[in-house]
Structures are given as structure tokens and as C-alpha cells.
């Protein structure tokens, strides 16, 4: 689409400069916006929000631009950082999944998100998808069936692309692809991590929670079972019958209330 824009999120300012130079050397009119030059960054971000003459269509940044950045024309996102927390993943993904009212019908709009295919990132995306599926299962009337999944696995429920909405993401966006521009560039060898099954993810989460609970009890010299009773009192449900989303909530709660 002629309105399309690319946002690249780098790990630090030094890397952002390298990516900017690399893209410019290959004919991409990329601009950088970082906190070390706030005046220039402000002007660059303003140009990134514009269309037409003088507009910036490719922006490289670290944190200052993607946090709260509202540019519906962003259709391509490249995440090149080590951050793997769920709030960060959700926030950065939403830079590219907003509804652009000037880009045609909703069903024809697409977001292309590129990120390292590592286990932490996949786990975060799995959580987002599990949360979305659980929400749609509880309120099926709130969504509507429309566009196909990015990997062609069938229709996905759609909602308005608001800031609070979590868009459905299929495993296809996590697969490594090297087609199109610069496809002949050598890629570093990466050991492919085995894909976890849903049961394996549940077992891993339960084990992580149990390990955290026991470690806390031992470090505080609490009687065995003290924290588990508190967890049950808080959530009123056995962990063996919890969903993946519920287990993530338990893990977040115990690490906050019972830190190591």
C-alpha cells in the first residue's frame, strides 16, 4: 500500500545507527530517532507521521518513538531487541496492528512483523494468542469472522484495532522466512528450538510456579504449603485445572507477592 511505513526497534542507540546506515546503503531512505538528539528526533517523528512530500517512511528507534507512537500507516515492524516481556511484546506489536481508515477495507489490511525466532518471543506470542482465544471463547458475539490467518490456516475473529485490543497471531508469523529483498544475504546458522506442545507449556508453567513457591518458602523458612494455600485462596482454583492464561497470571502474582 502506498501509505505503508516501516518501524525498526533496535536494542540500543549504537545498533540503531548501524541499522540506519545499513538500510541507507541499500537505497532505503531510513531516518533515526533516538534520545541522544531529542530535537532532531522530534522532527523526524513528526515527518514519520506525515504522508507525501517530506515524509519519512522508514524509522529506526530504540524506545522513545515506539512507546505510545500512534501512526496507523505502520504496516511493517522489525523487532531487534532482547526484551521479551509480555507487556513490551503487546505494546510493540500494536504499533503495526492499528486500523488505518485511509488504507482501504479492514479485511484487506495486513501487518508484517519480523522478530527473532527464539523461545522467549514465541512464549510471549503464545500467551497473547491464548489470551485472545480465551476472550473470544467467552464473548463470541463480540468478534466477527473475516480475514485469513497469516499462515493461511483459516479465518480469524476480528475486532477494531484499538490500543487495548489483542489481535490474533498465528504461528506463521514466527517462522523464519528469507524471501524478497536481499534474500541472497547469508544468514547466521541458528539452532532450531523444538516447538512446545500446549501440554508441555502448561507443565513448564506449573513447574516454574512450584519451583518459585518452594524456593520462597525455603528462603523465608516457611512451613511447606504456606504459599500454595495462599495461591489457592487468591485464585480459588487448582493449578492442574488452570488454562495457560490463568497460569501466567498466577506466575505474575507469586513473583510479585512472594519475591525471591
Protein backbone atom coordinates (compact mmCIF):
# COMPACT_ATOMS: atom_id res chain seq x y z
CA UNK A 1 0.00 0.00 0.00
CA UNK A 2 1.37 3.48 -0.85
CA UNK A 3 0.73 4.65 2.74
CA UNK A 4 2.78 1.81 4.26
CA UNK A 5 5.55 2.64 6.73
CA UNK A 6 8.30 0.60 8.39
CA UNK A 7 9.29 0.86 12.06
CA UNK A 8 12.54 -0.75 13.25
CA UNK A 9 13.05 -1.09 17.02
CA UNK A 10 16.72 -1.53 17.93
CA UNK A 11 18.28 -2.67 21.20
CA UNK A 12 20.37 0.47 21.74
CA UNK A 13 21.44 3.70 20.06
CA UNK A 14 24.64 2.23 18.63
CA UNK A 15 22.72 -0.59 16.94
CA UNK A 16 20.08 1.85 15.69
CA UNK A 17 22.80 3.87 13.94
CA UNK A 18 24.22 0.73 12.32
CA UNK A 19 20.79 -0.35 11.05
CA UNK A 20 20.14 3.14 9.68
CA UNK A 21 23.43 3.15 7.76
CA UNK A 22 22.86 -0.39 6.51
CA UNK A 23 19.42 0.48 5.13
CA UNK A 24 20.57 3.76 3.60
CA UNK A 25 23.44 2.00 1.82
CA UNK A 26 20.85 -0.24 0.17
CA UNK A 27 18.68 2.61 -1.05
CA UNK A 28 16.12 2.69 1.77
CA UNK A 29 15.53 6.33 2.88
CA UNK A 30 15.68 5.46 6.58
CA UNK A 31 15.81 8.03 9.38
CA UNK A 32 16.79 7.60 13.02
CA UNK A 33 15.10 8.98 16.16
CA UNK A 34 16.87 8.44 19.48
CA UNK A 35 17.12 10.21 22.82
CA UNK A 36 20.70 11.43 22.27
CA UNK A 37 19.38 14.10 19.89
CA UNK A 38 15.86 14.84 21.08
CA UNK A 39 15.32 17.93 18.88
CA UNK A 40 16.17 16.11 15.66
CA UNK A 41 14.28 13.03 16.85
CA UNK A 42 11.14 15.09 17.45
CA UNK A 43 11.25 16.48 13.90
CA UNK A 44 11.91 13.02 12.46
CA UNK A 45 8.94 11.51 14.30
CA UNK A 46 6.72 14.35 13.04
CA UNK A 47 7.86 13.57 9.49
CA UNK A 48 7.20 9.85 10.10
CA UNK A 49 3.59 10.67 10.96
CA UNK A 50 3.11 12.60 7.71
CA UNK A 51 2.36 11.40 4.20
CA UNK A 52 3.57 12.83 0.92
CA UNK A 53 6.37 15.34 0.35
CA UNK A 54 8.94 15.44 3.14
CA UNK A 55 7.52 12.41 4.92
CA UNK A 56 9.66 9.69 6.48
CA UNK A 57 8.56 6.16 5.59
CA UNK A 58 11.21 4.16 7.47
CA UNK A 59 12.02 5.00 11.09
CA UNK A 60 14.69 3.37 13.27
CA UNK A 61 14.41 3.96 17.01
CA UNK A 62 15.19 2.46 20.39
CA UNK A 63 12.34 3.27 22.77
CA UNK A 64 11.33 6.90 22.55
CA UNK A 65 9.32 6.54 19.34
CA UNK A 66 7.53 3.21 19.66
CA UNK A 67 6.20 3.85 23.18
CA UNK A 68 2.77 5.37 22.57
CA UNK A 69 3.52 6.05 18.89
CA UNK A 70 0.23 6.39 17.01
CA UNK A 71 0.87 6.00 13.29
CA UNK A 72 -1.83 3.77 11.74
CA UNK A 73 0.11 3.69 8.46
CA UNK A 74 2.77 1.42 10.02
CA UNK A 75 2.39 -1.94 8.27
CA UNK A 76 5.89 -3.37 8.74
CA UNK A 77 7.62 -3.82 12.07
CA UNK A 78 11.08 -5.23 12.80
CA UNK A 79 11.87 -6.04 16.45
CA UNK A 80 15.61 -6.29 17.05
CA UNK A 81 15.88 -6.16 20.83
CA UNK A 82 16.37 -8.63 23.66
CA UNK A 83 13.24 -7.50 25.53
CA UNK A 84 10.77 -10.37 25.86
CA UNK A 85 8.20 -9.30 28.47
CA UNK A 86 4.54 -9.72 27.56
CA UNK A 87 3.64 -6.03 28.07
CA UNK A 88 6.51 -4.99 25.78
CA UNK A 89 5.59 -7.51 23.09
CA UNK A 90 1.94 -6.41 23.16
CA UNK A 91 2.90 -2.73 23.03
CA UNK A 92 5.36 -3.03 20.19
CA UNK A 93 3.09 -5.33 18.15
CA UNK A 94 0.28 -2.78 18.40
CA UNK A 95 2.43 -0.25 16.55
CA UNK A 96 1.62 -2.19 13.38
CA UNK A 97 -1.87 -3.60 14.03
CA UNK A 98 -3.90 -0.42 14.26
CA UNK A 99 -6.77 0.23 11.89
CA UNK A 100 -5.80 2.71 9.17
CA UNK A 101 -9.04 4.32 7.99
CA UNK A 102 -7.32 5.70 4.89
CA UNK A 103 -5.87 2.38 3.73
CA UNK A 104 -8.97 0.65 2.45
CA UNK A 105 -11.23 -2.06 3.92
CA UNK A 106 -10.28 -3.59 7.26
CA UNK A 107 -10.17 -7.12 5.86
CA UNK A 108 -7.52 -6.12 3.32
CA UNK A 109 -5.13 -4.56 5.84
CA UNK A 110 -2.12 -6.58 6.96
CA UNK A 111 0.70 -6.19 9.46
CA UNK A 112 4.08 -7.79 8.76
CA UNK A 113 6.08 -8.33 11.93
CA UNK A 114 9.63 -9.67 11.93
CA UNK A 115 11.34 -10.79 15.13
CA UNK A 116 13.95 -13.28 16.35
CA UNK A 117 12.51 -16.79 16.29
CA UNK A 118 13.58 -17.67 19.83
CA UNK A 119 11.70 -19.42 22.62
CA UNK A 120 11.08 -16.33 24.82
CA UNK A 121 9.49 -14.44 21.93
CA UNK A 122 7.39 -17.46 20.93
CA UNK A 123 6.23 -17.87 24.53
CA UNK A 124 5.10 -14.25 24.65
CA UNK A 125 3.24 -14.60 21.37
CA UNK A 126 1.70 -17.86 22.57
CA UNK A 127 0.42 -16.06 25.65
CA UNK A 128 -1.11 -13.28 23.53
CA UNK A 129 -2.84 -15.81 21.26
CA UNK A 130 -4.06 -17.89 24.22
CA UNK A 131 -5.46 -14.78 25.89
CA UNK A 132 -7.18 -13.72 22.68
CA UNK A 133 -8.70 -17.15 22.10
CA UNK A 134 -9.96 -17.31 25.67
CA UNK A 135 -11.54 -13.87 25.34
CA UNK A 136 -13.27 -14.79 22.10
CA UNK A 137 -14.49 -18.08 23.60
CA UNK A 138 -16.14 -16.17 26.45
CA UNK A 139 -17.64 -13.49 24.18
CA UNK A 140 -18.05 -14.96 20.69
CA UNK A 141 -20.58 -12.30 19.71
CA UNK A 142 -18.02 -9.52 20.11
CA UNK A 143 -15.93 -10.62 17.14
CA UNK A 144 -16.62 -11.33 13.54
CA UNK A 145 -15.01 -13.73 11.12
CA UNK A 146 -13.10 -12.14 8.30
CA UNK A 147 -9.53 -12.21 7.06
CA UNK A 148 -7.47 -15.36 6.79
CA UNK A 149 -4.68 -16.08 9.23
CA UNK A 150 -1.20 -15.01 8.21
CA UNK A 151 -0.31 -18.65 7.64
CA UNK A 152 -3.48 -19.44 5.72
CA UNK A 153 -4.89 -21.64 8.49
CA UNK A 154 -8.42 -20.35 8.24
CA UNK A 155 -10.47 -17.31 9.24
CA UNK A 156 -9.64 -15.35 12.36
CA UNK A 157 -12.05 -13.37 14.57
CA UNK A 158 -11.62 -9.64 14.06
CA UNK A 159 -12.15 -6.66 16.32
CA UNK A 160 -11.41 -2.97 15.96
CA UNK A 161 -7.70 -2.28 16.07
CA UNK A 162 -7.80 -0.28 19.27
CA UNK A 163 -4.90 0.12 21.71
CA UNK A 164 -6.44 -2.33 24.20
CA UNK A 165 -7.30 -4.97 21.61
CA UNK A 166 -5.08 -8.03 21.33
CA UNK A 167 -5.00 -9.19 17.75
CA UNK A 168 -4.91 -12.92 16.89
CA UNK A 169 -1.45 -14.06 15.82
CA UNK A 170 -0.73 -17.41 14.21
CA UNK A 171 2.47 -19.41 14.37
CA UNK A 172 3.16 -18.46 10.77
CA UNK A 173 4.45 -15.03 11.79
CA UNK A 174 7.08 -16.77 13.90
CA UNK A 175 8.58 -18.81 11.09
CA UNK A 176 11.89 -17.66 9.63
CA UNK A 177 11.46 -16.58 6.04
CA UNK A 178 14.11 -15.06 3.77
CA UNK A 179 12.34 -14.18 0.54
CA UNK A 180 12.21 -10.93 -1.38
CA UNK A 181 14.74 -8.13 -0.91
CA UNK A 182 18.29 -9.16 -0.01
CA UNK A 183 17.30 -12.84 0.01
CA UNK A 184 20.80 -13.75 -1.08
CA UNK A 185 22.42 -12.31 2.05
CA UNK A 186 23.95 -15.06 4.21
CA UNK A 187 22.09 -15.76 7.42
CA UNK A 188 23.85 -16.94 10.56
CA UNK A 189 23.26 -20.55 11.46
CA UNK A 190 20.64 -20.81 14.17
CA UNK A 191 19.87 -23.97 16.07
CA UNK A 192 16.16 -24.57 15.70
CA UNK A 193 14.47 -24.88 19.08
CA UNK A 194 11.86 -27.65 19.30
CA UNK A 195 8.29 -26.38 19.32
CA UNK A 196 6.48 -26.89 22.61
CA UNK A 197 3.09 -28.57 22.64
CA UNK A 198 0.25 -26.93 24.62
CA UNK A 199 0.59 -29.61 27.31
CA UNK A 200 4.34 -29.03 27.55
CA UNK A 201 3.77 -25.31 28.01
CA UNK A 202 1.27 -25.97 30.80
CA UNK A 203 3.63 -28.41 32.51
CA UNK A 204 6.52 -25.96 32.25
CA UNK A 205 4.45 -23.14 33.76
CA UNK A 206 3.26 -25.34 36.63
CA UNK A 207 6.84 -26.44 37.32
CA UNK A 208 8.07 -22.83 37.27
CA UNK A 209 5.40 -21.78 39.74
CA UNK A 210 6.10 -24.73 42.04
CA UNK A 211 9.85 -24.10 41.94
CA UNK A 212 9.33 -20.42 42.78
CA UNK A 213 6.97 -21.28 45.63
CA UNK A 214 9.34 -23.81 47.18
CA UNK A 215 12.35 -21.53 46.83
CA UNK A 216 10.49 -18.69 48.55
CA UNK A 217 9.32 -20.93 51.39
CA UNK A 218 12.81 -22.29 51.96
CA UNK A 219 14.47 -18.86 51.86
CA UNK A 220 11.92 -17.46 54.35
CA UNK A 221 11.83 -20.66 56.44
CA UNK A 222 8.10 -21.01 55.95
CA UNK A 223 6.25 -24.26 56.50
CA UNK A 224 5.82 -26.26 53.26
CA UNK A 225 2.47 -25.48 51.64
CA UNK A 226 2.16 -21.97 53.11
CA UNK A 227 2.42 -20.17 49.78
CA UNK A 228 0.38 -22.77 47.88
CA UNK A 229 -2.51 -22.24 50.29
CA UNK A 230 -2.27 -18.50 49.70
CA UNK A 231 -2.27 -19.06 45.94
CA UNK A 232 -5.39 -21.21 46.13
CA UNK A 233 -7.07 -18.65 48.37
CA UNK A 234 -6.31 -15.94 45.82
CA UNK A 235 -7.40 -17.78 42.66
CA UNK A 236 -9.83 -20.39 44.09
CA UNK A 237 -8.71 -22.98 41.58
CA UNK A 238 -6.24 -25.85 41.41
CA UNK A 239 -3.30 -25.25 39.09
CA UNK A 240 -3.87 -28.64 37.46
CA UNK A 241 -7.17 -27.34 36.06
CA UNK A 242 -5.94 -23.87 35.04
CA UNK A 243 -5.55 -22.63 31.47
CA UNK A 244 -2.30 -21.23 30.14
CA UNK A 245 -3.50 -17.66 30.63
CA UNK A 246 -4.51 -18.39 34.22
CA UNK A 247 -1.12 -19.95 34.96
CA UNK A 248 0.62 -16.87 33.60
CA UNK A 249 -1.48 -14.76 35.98
CA UNK A 250 -0.52 -16.99 38.90
CA UNK A 251 3.17 -16.76 37.99
CA UNK A 252 2.96 -12.99 37.79
CA UNK A 253 1.17 -12.82 41.15
CA UNK A 254 3.52 -15.11 43.09
CA UNK A 255 6.64 -13.36 41.78
CA UNK A 256 5.18 -10.03 42.89
CA UNK A 257 3.79 -11.08 46.27
CA UNK A 258 6.46 -13.66 47.12
CA UNK A 259 9.71 -12.38 45.56
CA UNK A 260 12.92 -14.38 45.80
